[in-house]
Amino acid sequence: MAYQISDACVKCGACAGACPLGIITEGDDRYVIDADQCVSCGTCADTCPMGAIAEA
């Protein structure tokens, strides 16, 4: 299952820089993970200082 970023995101960008596939992009109110390309490695969730990323 792919990871998703919740409303707790403060748009710090840590997840985007950590994603080994580069599939996290900045959205209007939070960063967004391309669910079709996510391999569920968990690197983004481990990096997020707000705990805003979890498996869907």
C-alpha atoms as a PDB file:
ATOM      1  CA  MET A   1       0.000   0.000   0.000  1.00  0.00           C
ATOM      2  CA  ALA A   2       1.140   3.515  -0.730  1.00  0.00           C
ATOM      3  CA  TYR A   3       1.865   6.131   1.882  1.00  0.00           C
ATOM      4  CA  GLN A   4      -0.258   9.276   2.255  1.00  0.00           C
ATOM      5  CA  ILE A   5       0.440  12.661   3.774  1.00  0.00           C
ATOM      6  CA  SER A   6      -2.162  13.991   6.220  1.00  0.00           C
ATOM      7  CA  ASP A   7      -3.339  17.487   7.114  1.00  0.00           C
ATOM      8  CA  ALA A   8      -0.648  17.560   9.812  1.00  0.00           C
ATOM      9  CA  CYS A   9       1.886  18.382   7.053  1.00  0.00           C
ATOM     10  CA  VAL A  10       3.577  21.760   7.568  1.00  0.00           C
ATOM     11  CA  LYS A  11       5.246  21.724   4.119  1.00  0.00           C
ATOM     12  CA  CYS A  12       8.790  21.517   5.449  1.00  0.00           C
ATOM     13  CA  GLY A  13       9.890  19.436   2.445  1.00  0.00           C
ATOM     14  CA  ALA A  14      11.842  16.830   4.406  1.00  0.00           C
ATOM     15  CA  CYS A  15       9.866  13.981   2.847  1.00  0.00           C
ATOM     16  CA  ALA A  16      10.400  15.186  -0.712  1.00  0.00           C
ATOM     17  CA  GLY A  17      14.147  15.331  -0.187  1.00  0.00           C
ATOM     18  CA  ALA A  18      14.230  11.891   1.409  1.00  0.00           C
ATOM     19  CA  CYS A  19      12.131   9.993  -1.148  1.00  0.00           C
ATOM     20  CA  PRO A  20      14.490   7.730  -3.125  1.00  0.00           C
ATOM     21  CA  LEU A  21      12.120   7.771  -6.113  1.00  0.00           C
ATOM     22  CA  GLY A  22      11.495  11.512  -6.122  1.00  0.00           C
ATOM     23  CA  ILE A  23       7.708  11.061  -6.295  1.00  0.00           C
ATOM     24  CA  ILE A  24       6.718  13.532  -3.573  1.00  0.00           C
ATOM     25  CA  THR A  25       5.708  16.952  -4.831  1.00  0.00           C
ATOM     26  CA  GLU A  26       4.516  20.163  -3.232  1.00  0.00           C
ATOM     27  CA  GLY A  27       0.747  20.596  -3.317  1.00  0.00           C
ATOM     28  CA  ASP A  28      -1.368  23.615  -2.390  1.00  0.00           C
ATOM     29  CA  ASP A  29      -1.695  22.866   1.322  1.00  0.00           C
ATOM     30  CA  ARG A  30       0.669  19.893   1.827  1.00  0.00           C
ATOM     31  CA  TYR A  31       3.072  17.634  -0.003  1.00  0.00           C
ATOM     32  CA  VAL A  32       1.592  14.819  -2.108  1.00  0.00           C
ATOM     33  CA  ILE A  33       2.857  11.286  -2.765  1.00  0.00           C
ATOM     34  CA  ASP A  34       2.193   9.731  -6.178  1.00  0.00           C
ATOM     35  CA  ALA A  35       0.410   6.585  -4.974  1.00  0.00           C
ATOM     36  CA  ASP A  36       0.859   4.826  -8.323  1.00  0.00           C
ATOM     37  CA  GLN A  37       4.650   5.021  -8.031  1.00  0.00           C
ATOM     38  CA  CYS A  38       5.059   4.600  -4.249  1.00  0.00           C
ATOM     39  CA  VAL A  39       6.838   1.351  -3.302  1.00  0.00           C
ATOM     40  CA  SER A  40       6.007   1.725   0.422  1.00  0.00           C
ATOM     41  CA  CYS A  41       9.636   1.909   1.542  1.00  0.00           C
ATOM     42  CA  GLY A  42       8.666   4.168   4.476  1.00  0.00           C
ATOM     43  CA  THR A  43      11.599   6.554   4.112  1.00  0.00           C
ATOM     44  CA  CYS A  44       9.265   9.550   3.924  1.00  0.00           C
ATOM     45  CA  ALA A  45       7.384   8.531   7.071  1.00  0.00           C
ATOM     46  CA  ASP A  46      10.643   7.992   8.952  1.00  0.00           C
ATOM     47  CA  THR A  47      11.841  11.452   7.903  1.00  0.00           C
ATOM     48  CA  CYS A  48       8.683  13.479   8.629  1.00  0.00           C
ATOM     49  CA  PRO A  49       9.175  15.537  11.825  1.00  0.00           C
ATOM     50  CA  MET A  50       5.402  15.975  12.214  1.00  0.00           C
ATOM     51  CA  GLY A  51       4.466  12.304  11.891  1.00  0.00           C
ATOM     52  CA  ALA A  52       2.128  13.313   9.062  1.00  0.00           C
ATOM     53  CA  ILE A  53       2.848  10.348   6.799  1.00  0.00           C
ATOM     54  CA  ALA A  54       1.341   6.867   7.166  1.00  0.00           C
ATOM     55  CA  GLU A  55       0.441   3.889   5.010  1.00  0.00           C
ATOM     56  CA  ALA A  56      -2.991   4.239   3.445  1.00  0.00           C
END
